[in-house]
């Protein structure tokens, strides 16, 4: 049995989780679909490096977008743990830990982008490296960020799968949302193992399955933050 304070915290947790995912839905596409595509030139380390040097403010803005995204991942992990504790406290905690592990890996990967700024703004590096060597190092750092982040997505996919299962087991969240979250998780999992298991397949599966996250976000903000006490009570008694 939960007291009224805990019930209120569940509603607040839903709102915090929804707003955190909303912030991610804005910050991540800015960095991933706007800022970096303007800077990166496929198969040309020199052109990529020159673009970053000429547009350093945009590069910094992209890093900021990723940083906001990963911070919001931490908020979402905590808020969803609180929101789904009435379903299964232990599994909810495990689900949060998978997202936390993903976020830590993503932050570590992000340090590679910060290292590029150090390469460009530390005079000693420009005297040690020839231009071609500097360009190659920048390209290596970009690839290291991408590889590290994509490895972390494996844990994010597992998180979404467990989250979908918790939603299916709940009685205060529509089952359809659980199915959509599991499908979204599978999309991320396939993308994460694709370079190892299916290196010749270049299809971005998550591009077609991530919509469940957005629908769940809208539900959290519109409906989840207004859950009636009677609905929460029924879950606790199960």
C-alpha atoms as a PDB file:
ATOM      1  CA  UNK A   1       0.000   0.000   0.000  1.00  0.00           C
ATOM      2  CA  UNK A   2       1.356   3.431  -0.929  1.00  0.00           C
ATOM      3  CA  UNK A   3       0.499   6.717   0.732  1.00  0.00           C
ATOM      4  CA  UNK A   4      -0.776   9.789  -1.073  1.00  0.00           C
ATOM      5  CA  UNK A   5       2.714  11.286  -1.169  1.00  0.00           C
ATOM      6  CA  UNK A   6       4.023   8.288  -3.090  1.00  0.00           C
ATOM      7  CA  UNK A   7       1.068   8.442  -5.476  1.00  0.00           C
ATOM      8  CA  UNK A   8       1.855  12.074  -6.183  1.00  0.00           C
ATOM      9  CA  UNK A   9       5.495  11.187  -6.808  1.00  0.00           C
ATOM     10  CA  UNK A  10       4.381   8.650  -9.414  1.00  0.00           C
ATOM     11  CA  UNK A  11       2.529  11.354 -11.297  1.00  0.00           C
ATOM     12  CA  UNK A  12       5.505  13.680 -11.021  1.00  0.00           C
ATOM     13  CA  UNK A  13       7.819  10.885 -12.144  1.00  0.00           C
ATOM     14  CA  UNK A  14       5.724  10.358 -15.272  1.00  0.00           C
ATOM     15  CA  UNK A  15       5.907  14.063 -16.081  1.00  0.00           C
ATOM     16  CA  UNK A  16       9.663  14.223 -15.472  1.00  0.00           C
ATOM     17  CA  UNK A  17      10.255  11.151 -17.636  1.00  0.00           C
ATOM     18  CA  UNK A  18       8.064  12.520 -20.417  1.00  0.00           C
ATOM     19  CA  UNK A  19       9.743  15.937 -20.394  1.00  0.00           C
ATOM     20  CA  UNK A  20      13.208  14.332 -20.301  1.00  0.00           C
ATOM     21  CA  UNK A  21      12.387  12.216 -23.360  1.00  0.00           C
ATOM     22  CA  UNK A  22      10.934  15.293 -25.058  1.00  0.00           C
ATOM     23  CA  UNK A  23      14.188  17.186 -24.457  1.00  0.00           C
ATOM     24  CA  UNK A  24      16.096  14.236 -25.935  1.00  0.00           C
ATOM     25  CA  UNK A  25      13.784  14.228 -28.945  1.00  0.00           C
ATOM     26  CA  UNK A  26      14.892  17.808 -29.613  1.00  0.00           C
ATOM     27  CA  UNK A  27      18.571  17.758 -28.623  1.00  0.00           C
ATOM     28  CA  UNK A  28      19.599  14.454 -30.224  1.00  0.00           C
ATOM     29  CA  UNK A  29      18.180  15.173 -33.718  1.00  0.00           C
ATOM     30  CA  UNK A  30      19.802  18.625 -33.635  1.00  0.00           C
ATOM     31  CA  UNK A  31      23.230  17.065 -33.101  1.00  0.00           C
ATOM     32  CA  UNK A  32      22.741  13.880 -35.102  1.00  0.00           C
ATOM     33  CA  UNK A  33      20.659  15.105 -38.052  1.00  0.00           C
ATOM     34  CA  UNK A  34      21.575  18.797 -38.341  1.00  0.00           C
ATOM     35  CA  UNK A  35      24.932  19.790 -36.832  1.00  0.00           C
ATOM     36  CA  UNK A  36      27.159  16.825 -37.603  1.00  0.00           C
ATOM     37  CA  UNK A  37      25.896  16.056 -41.141  1.00  0.00           C
ATOM     38  CA  UNK A  38      26.952  19.601 -42.062  1.00  0.00           C
ATOM     39  CA  UNK A  39      30.473  18.908 -40.818  1.00  0.00           C
ATOM     40  CA  UNK A  40      31.266  15.297 -41.651  1.00  0.00           C
ATOM     41  CA  UNK A  41      32.428  14.338 -45.139  1.00  0.00           C
ATOM     42  CA  UNK A  42      32.394  10.620 -45.834  1.00  0.00           C
ATOM     43  CA  UNK A  43      35.818   9.172 -46.766  1.00  0.00           C
ATOM     44  CA  UNK A  44      37.584  12.524 -46.422  1.00  0.00           C
ATOM     45  CA  UNK A  45      39.314  13.154 -43.114  1.00  0.00           C
ATOM     46  CA  UNK A  46      40.830  16.383 -44.404  1.00  0.00           C
ATOM     47  CA  UNK A  47      37.518  17.898 -45.503  1.00  0.00           C
ATOM     48  CA  UNK A  48      35.855  16.839 -42.257  1.00  0.00           C
ATOM     49  CA  UNK A  49      38.617  18.414 -40.173  1.00  0.00           C
ATOM     50  CA  UNK A  50      38.546  21.630 -42.224  1.00  0.00           C
ATOM     51  CA  UNK A  51      34.756  21.844 -41.788  1.00  0.00           C
ATOM     52  CA  UNK A  52      35.082  21.454 -38.014  1.00  0.00           C
ATOM     53  CA  UNK A  53      37.828  24.092 -37.883  1.00  0.00           C
ATOM     54  CA  UNK A  54      35.766  26.522 -39.980  1.00  0.00           C
ATOM     55  CA  UNK A  55      32.553  25.824 -38.031  1.00  0.00           C
ATOM     56  CA  UNK A  56      33.780  25.198 -34.514  1.00  0.00           C
ATOM     57  CA  UNK A  57      30.711  26.869 -32.954  1.00  0.00           C
ATOM     58  CA  UNK A  58      28.420  24.400 -34.730  1.00  0.00           C
ATOM     59  CA  UNK A  59      30.644  21.519 -33.610  1.00  0.00           C
ATOM     60  CA  UNK A  60      30.450  22.727 -30.004  1.00  0.00           C
ATOM     61  CA  UNK A  61      26.676  23.057 -30.324  1.00  0.00           C
ATOM     62  CA  UNK A  62      26.512  19.445 -31.504  1.00  0.00           C
ATOM     63  CA  UNK A  63      28.505  18.289 -28.482  1.00  0.00           C
ATOM     64  CA  UNK A  64      26.156  20.307 -26.267  1.00  0.00           C
ATOM     65  CA  UNK A  65      23.167  18.601 -27.914  1.00  0.00           C
ATOM     66  CA  UNK A  66      24.600  15.164 -27.152  1.00  0.00           C
ATOM     67  CA  UNK A  67      25.397  16.231 -23.582  1.00  0.00           C
ATOM     68  CA  UNK A  68      21.820  17.384 -22.960  1.00  0.00           C
ATOM     69  CA  UNK A  69      20.569  14.104 -24.435  1.00  0.00           C
ATOM     70  CA  UNK A  70      22.658  11.935 -22.127  1.00  0.00           C
ATOM     71  CA  UNK A  71      21.837  14.010 -19.039  1.00  0.00           C
ATOM     72  CA  UNK A  72      18.148  13.585 -19.848  1.00  0.00           C
ATOM     73  CA  UNK A  73      18.765   9.835 -20.163  1.00  0.00           C
ATOM     74  CA  UNK A  74      19.828   9.864 -16.517  1.00  0.00           C
ATOM     75  CA  UNK A  75      16.672  11.737 -15.520  1.00  0.00           C
ATOM     76  CA  UNK A  76      14.491   9.382 -17.551  1.00  0.00           C
ATOM     77  CA  UNK A  77      16.145   6.297 -16.032  1.00  0.00           C
ATOM     78  CA  UNK A  78      15.398   7.538 -12.506  1.00  0.00           C
ATOM     79  CA  UNK A  79      11.877   8.785 -13.240  1.00  0.00           C
ATOM     80  CA  UNK A  80      10.811   5.607 -15.057  1.00  0.00           C
ATOM     81  CA  UNK A  81      12.162   3.526 -12.176  1.00  0.00           C
ATOM     82  CA  UNK A  82       9.941   5.462  -9.772  1.00  0.00           C
ATOM     83  CA  UNK A  83       6.965   5.315 -12.116  1.00  0.00           C
ATOM     84  CA  UNK A  84       7.137   1.559 -12.656  1.00  0.00           C
ATOM     85  CA  UNK A  85       8.118   0.430  -9.153  1.00  0.00           C
ATOM     86  CA  UNK A  86       4.492  -0.538  -8.358  1.00  0.00           C
ATOM     87  CA  UNK A  87       4.647  -3.147 -11.148  1.00  0.00           C
ATOM     88  CA  UNK A  88       7.867  -4.863 -10.057  1.00  0.00           C
ATOM     89  CA  UNK A  89      10.394  -2.940  -7.997  1.00  0.00           C
ATOM     90  CA  UNK A  90      13.372  -5.224  -8.679  1.00  0.00           C
ATOM     91  CA  UNK A  91      12.787  -5.428 -12.426  1.00  0.00           C
ATOM     92  CA  UNK A  92      12.156  -1.704 -12.587  1.00  0.00           C
ATOM     93  CA  UNK A  93      15.512  -1.103 -10.921  1.00  0.00           C
ATOM     94  CA  UNK A  94      17.257  -3.494 -13.334  1.00  0.00           C
ATOM     95  CA  UNK A  95      15.624  -1.681 -16.237  1.00  0.00           C
ATOM     96  CA  UNK A  96      16.943   1.640 -14.948  1.00  0.00           C
ATOM     97  CA  UNK A  97      20.434   0.184 -14.545  1.00  0.00           C
ATOM     98  CA  UNK A  98      20.562  -0.860 -18.202  1.00  0.00           C
ATOM     99  CA  UNK A  99      19.789   2.722 -19.231  1.00  0.00           C
ATOM    100  CA  UNK A 100      22.354   3.997 -16.751  1.00  0.00           C
ATOM    101  CA  UNK A 101      25.041   1.713 -18.202  1.00  0.00           C
ATOM    102  CA  UNK A 102      24.163   2.950 -21.695  1.00  0.00           C
ATOM    103  CA  UNK A 103      24.432   6.558 -20.546  1.00  0.00           C
ATOM    104  CA  UNK A 104      27.825   6.050 -18.905  1.00  0.00           C
ATOM    105  CA  UNK A 105      29.150   4.436 -22.100  1.00  0.00           C
ATOM    106  CA  UNK A 106      27.712   7.317 -24.151  1.00  0.00           C
ATOM    107  CA  UNK A 107      29.384   9.922 -21.930  1.00  0.00           C
ATOM    108  CA  UNK A 108      32.731   8.121 -22.195  1.00  0.00           C
ATOM    109  CA  UNK A 109      32.342   8.026 -25.981  1.00  0.00           C
ATOM    110  CA  UNK A 110      31.516  11.740 -25.978  1.00  0.00           C
ATOM    111  CA  UNK A 111      34.973  12.470 -24.536  1.00  0.00           C
ATOM    112  CA  UNK A 112      36.333  11.680 -27.996  1.00  0.00           C
ATOM    113  CA  UNK A 113      34.545  14.747 -29.362  1.00  0.00           C
ATOM    114  CA  UNK A 114      35.872  16.866 -26.511  1.00  0.00           C
ATOM    115  CA  UNK A 115      39.355  15.585 -27.392  1.00  0.00           C
ATOM    116  CA  UNK A 116      38.925  16.995 -30.900  1.00  0.00           C
ATOM    117  CA  UNK A 117      38.409  20.458 -29.421  1.00  0.00           C
ATOM    118  CA  UNK A 118      41.647  20.041 -27.458  1.00  0.00           C
ATOM    119  CA  UNK A 119      43.468  19.025 -30.636  1.00  0.00           C
ATOM    120  CA  UNK A 120      42.244  22.134 -32.415  1.00  0.00           C
ATOM    121  CA  UNK A 121      42.783  24.612 -29.603  1.00  0.00           C
ATOM    122  CA  UNK A 122      46.075  23.467 -28.075  1.00  0.00           C
ATOM    123  CA  UNK A 123      49.003  25.056 -29.958  1.00  0.00           C
ATOM    124  CA  UNK A 124      51.419  22.258 -28.992  1.00  0.00           C
ATOM    125  CA  UNK A 125      49.412  19.697 -30.946  1.00  0.00           C
ATOM    126  CA  UNK A 126      49.684  21.755 -34.120  1.00  0.00           C
ATOM    127  CA  UNK A 127      53.467  21.760 -33.832  1.00  0.00           C
ATOM    128  CA  UNK A 128      53.704  18.038 -33.052  1.00  0.00           C
ATOM    129  CA  UNK A 129      51.328  16.815 -35.779  1.00  0.00           C
ATOM    130  CA  UNK A 130      51.586  17.451 -39.483  1.00  0.00           C
ATOM    131  CA  UNK A 131      48.246  18.622 -40.996  1.00  0.00           C
ATOM    132  CA  UNK A 132      47.493  15.175 -42.438  1.00  0.00           C
ATOM    133  CA  UNK A 133      48.272  13.553 -39.093  1.00  0.00           C
ATOM    134  CA  UNK A 134      46.000  16.025 -37.298  1.00  0.00           C
ATOM    135  CA  UNK A 135      43.185  15.366 -39.754  1.00  0.00           C
ATOM    136  CA  UNK A 136      43.598  11.602 -39.333  1.00  0.00           C
ATOM    137  CA  UNK A 137      43.526  11.930 -35.537  1.00  0.00           C
ATOM    138  CA  UNK A 138      40.304  13.943 -35.720  1.00  0.00           C
ATOM    139  CA  UNK A 139      38.758  11.277 -37.943  1.00  0.00           C
ATOM    140  CA  UNK A 140      39.835   8.534 -35.522  1.00  0.00           C
ATOM    141  CA  UNK A 141      38.245  10.412 -32.616  1.00  0.00           C
ATOM    142  CA  UNK A 142      34.996  10.816 -34.540  1.00  0.00           C
ATOM    143  CA  UNK A 143      34.943   7.095 -35.350  1.00  0.00           C
ATOM    144  CA  UNK A 144      35.719   6.225 -31.714  1.00  0.00           C
ATOM    145  CA  UNK A 145      32.760   8.312 -30.556  1.00  0.00           C
ATOM    146  CA  UNK A 146      30.438   6.631 -33.006  1.00  0.00           C
ATOM    147  CA  UNK A 147      31.673   3.121 -32.202  1.00  0.00           C
ATOM    148  CA  UNK A 148      31.444   3.644 -28.438  1.00  0.00           C
ATOM    149  CA  UNK A 149      27.984   5.172 -28.606  1.00  0.00           C
ATOM    150  CA  UNK A 150      26.670   2.425 -30.873  1.00  0.00           C
ATOM    151  CA  UNK A 151      28.021  -0.218 -28.488  1.00  0.00           C
ATOM    152  CA  UNK A 152      26.126   1.481 -25.655  1.00  0.00           C
ATOM    153  CA  UNK A 153      22.921   1.298 -27.689  1.00  0.00           C
ATOM    154  CA  UNK A 154      22.976  -2.467 -27.069  1.00  0.00           C
ATOM    155  CA  UNK A 155      22.174  -1.751 -23.398  1.00  0.00           C
ATOM    156  CA  UNK A 156      19.611   0.881 -24.367  1.00  0.00           C
ATOM    157  CA  UNK A 157      17.788  -1.665 -26.524  1.00  0.00           C
ATOM    158  CA  UNK A 158      17.656  -4.101 -23.603  1.00  0.00           C
ATOM    159  CA  UNK A 159      16.361  -1.262 -21.416  1.00  0.00           C
ATOM    160  CA  UNK A 160      13.501  -0.580 -23.825  1.00  0.00           C
ATOM    161  CA  UNK A 161      12.638  -4.264 -24.034  1.00  0.00           C
ATOM    162  CA  UNK A 162      12.413  -4.565 -20.250  1.00  0.00           C
ATOM    163  CA  UNK A 163      10.518  -1.291 -20.079  1.00  0.00           C
ATOM    164  CA  UNK A 164       7.998  -2.629 -22.576  1.00  0.00           C
ATOM    165  CA  UNK A 165       7.591  -5.793 -20.512  1.00  0.00           C
ATOM    166  CA  UNK A 166       6.918  -3.738 -17.365  1.00  0.00           C
ATOM    167  CA  UNK A 167       4.337  -1.703 -19.249  1.00  0.00           C
ATOM    168  CA  UNK A 168       2.631  -4.899 -20.401  1.00  0.00           C
ATOM    169  CA  UNK A 169       2.539  -6.188 -16.822  1.00  0.00           C
ATOM    170  CA  UNK A 170       1.103  -2.923 -15.481  1.00  0.00           C
ATOM    171  CA  UNK A 171      -2.613  -2.159 -15.299  1.00  0.00           C
ATOM    172  CA  UNK A 172      -2.302   1.613 -15.504  1.00  0.00           C
ATOM    173  CA  UNK A 173      -0.487   1.908 -18.853  1.00  0.00           C
ATOM    174  CA  UNK A 174      -1.985   0.796 -22.210  1.00  0.00           C
ATOM    175  CA  UNK A 175      -0.592  -2.547 -23.360  1.00  0.00           C
ATOM    176  CA  UNK A 176      -0.049  -1.195 -26.868  1.00  0.00           C
ATOM    177  CA  UNK A 177       2.676   1.076 -25.509  1.00  0.00           C
ATOM    178  CA  UNK A 178       4.482  -1.961 -24.111  1.00  0.00           C
ATOM    179  CA  UNK A 179       4.419  -3.661 -27.509  1.00  0.00           C
ATOM    180  CA  UNK A 180       5.712  -0.515 -29.234  1.00  0.00           C
ATOM    181  CA  UNK A 181       8.542  -0.158 -26.714  1.00  0.00           C
ATOM    182  CA  UNK A 182       9.598  -3.778 -27.185  1.00  0.00           C
ATOM    183  CA  UNK A 183       9.623  -3.288 -30.966  1.00  0.00           C
ATOM    184  CA  UNK A 184      11.706  -0.120 -30.524  1.00  0.00           C
ATOM    185  CA  UNK A 185      14.116  -2.032 -28.306  1.00  0.00           C
ATOM    186  CA  UNK A 186      14.492  -4.761 -30.907  1.00  0.00           C
ATOM    187  CA  UNK A 187      15.313  -2.134 -33.521  1.00  0.00           C
ATOM    188  CA  UNK A 188      18.129  -0.749 -31.393  1.00  0.00           C
ATOM    189  CA  UNK A 189      19.390  -4.245 -30.527  1.00  0.00           C
ATOM    190  CA  UNK A 190      19.582  -5.231 -34.196  1.00  0.00           C
ATOM    191  CA  UNK A 191      21.433  -2.006 -34.989  1.00  0.00           C
ATOM    192  CA  UNK A 192      23.899  -2.662 -32.166  1.00  0.00           C
ATOM    193  CA  UNK A 193      24.773  -6.226 -33.226  1.00  0.00           C
ATOM    194  CA  UNK A 194      24.538  -5.543 -36.963  1.00  0.00           C
ATOM    195  CA  UNK A 195      28.222  -4.530 -37.442  1.00  0.00           C
ATOM    196  CA  UNK A 196      29.297  -7.858 -35.915  1.00  0.00           C
ATOM    197  CA  UNK A 197      26.592 -10.286 -37.032  1.00  0.00           C
ATOM    198  CA  UNK A 198      25.391  -8.638 -40.271  1.00  0.00           C
ATOM    199  CA  UNK A 199      28.218  -6.372 -41.529  1.00  0.00           C
ATOM    200  CA  UNK A 200      26.861  -6.253 -45.089  1.00  0.00           C
ATOM    201  CA  UNK A 201      23.430  -4.965 -44.066  1.00  0.00           C
ATOM    202  CA  UNK A 202      23.295  -1.171 -44.013  1.00  0.00           C
ATOM    203  CA  UNK A 203      19.638  -0.694 -43.073  1.00  0.00           C
ATOM    204  CA  UNK A 204      18.974   1.455 -39.983  1.00  0.00           C
ATOM    205  CA  UNK A 205      16.274  -0.609 -38.255  1.00  0.00           C
ATOM    206  CA  UNK A 206      15.814   1.850 -35.368  1.00  0.00           C
ATOM    207  CA  UNK A 207      14.830   4.482 -37.910  1.00  0.00           C
ATOM    208  CA  UNK A 208      11.580   2.568 -38.440  1.00  0.00           C
ATOM    209  CA  UNK A 209      10.937   1.349 -34.888  1.00  0.00           C
ATOM    210  CA  UNK A 210      11.718   4.300 -32.601  1.00  0.00           C
ATOM    211  CA  UNK A 211       8.202   5.786 -32.839  1.00  0.00           C
ATOM    212  CA  UNK A 212       7.124   3.794 -29.776  1.00  0.00           C
ATOM    213  CA  UNK A 213       9.385   5.987 -27.639  1.00  0.00           C
ATOM    214  CA  UNK A 214       7.721   9.161 -28.905  1.00  0.00           C
ATOM    215  CA  UNK A 215       4.213   7.795 -28.372  1.00  0.00           C
ATOM    216  CA  UNK A 216       5.170   6.688 -24.862  1.00  0.00           C
ATOM    217  CA  UNK A 217       6.585  10.176 -24.219  1.00  0.00           C
ATOM    218  CA  UNK A 218       3.301  11.804 -25.205  1.00  0.00           C
ATOM    219  CA  UNK A 219       1.348   9.402 -23.011  1.00  0.00           C
ATOM    220  CA  UNK A 220       3.601  10.121 -20.018  1.00  0.00           C
ATOM    221  CA  UNK A 221       3.116  13.873 -20.371  1.00  0.00           C
ATOM    222  CA  UNK A 222      -0.590  13.891 -21.192  1.00  0.00           C
ATOM    223  CA  UNK A 223      -1.955  10.856 -19.356  1.00  0.00           C
ATOM    224  CA  UNK A 224       0.732   9.480 -17.077  1.00  0.00           C
ATOM    225  CA  UNK A 225       1.066  12.700 -15.126  1.00  0.00           C
ATOM    226  CA  UNK A 226      -2.676  12.575 -14.369  1.00  0.00           C
ATOM    227  CA  UNK A 227      -3.113   8.978 -13.276  1.00  0.00           C
ATOM    228  CA  UNK A 228      -6.003   8.568 -10.871  1.00  0.00           C
ATOM    229  CA  UNK A 229      -5.262   7.283  -7.398  1.00  0.00           C
ATOM    230  CA  UNK A 230      -7.722   4.438  -7.845  1.00  0.00           C
ATOM    231  CA  UNK A 231      -5.715   3.113 -10.806  1.00  0.00           C
ATOM    232  CA  UNK A 232      -2.477   3.128  -8.824  1.00  0.00           C
ATOM    233  CA  UNK A 233      -4.242   1.479  -5.870  1.00  0.00           C
ATOM    234  CA  UNK A 234      -5.375  -1.398  -8.047  1.00  0.00           C
ATOM    235  CA  UNK A 235      -1.801  -2.092  -9.143  1.00  0.00           C
ATOM    236  CA  UNK A 236      -0.471  -2.152  -5.581  1.00  0.00           C
ATOM    237  CA  UNK A 237      -3.079  -4.720  -4.545  1.00  0.00           C
ATOM    238  CA  UNK A 238      -2.269  -7.121  -7.390  1.00  0.00           C
END
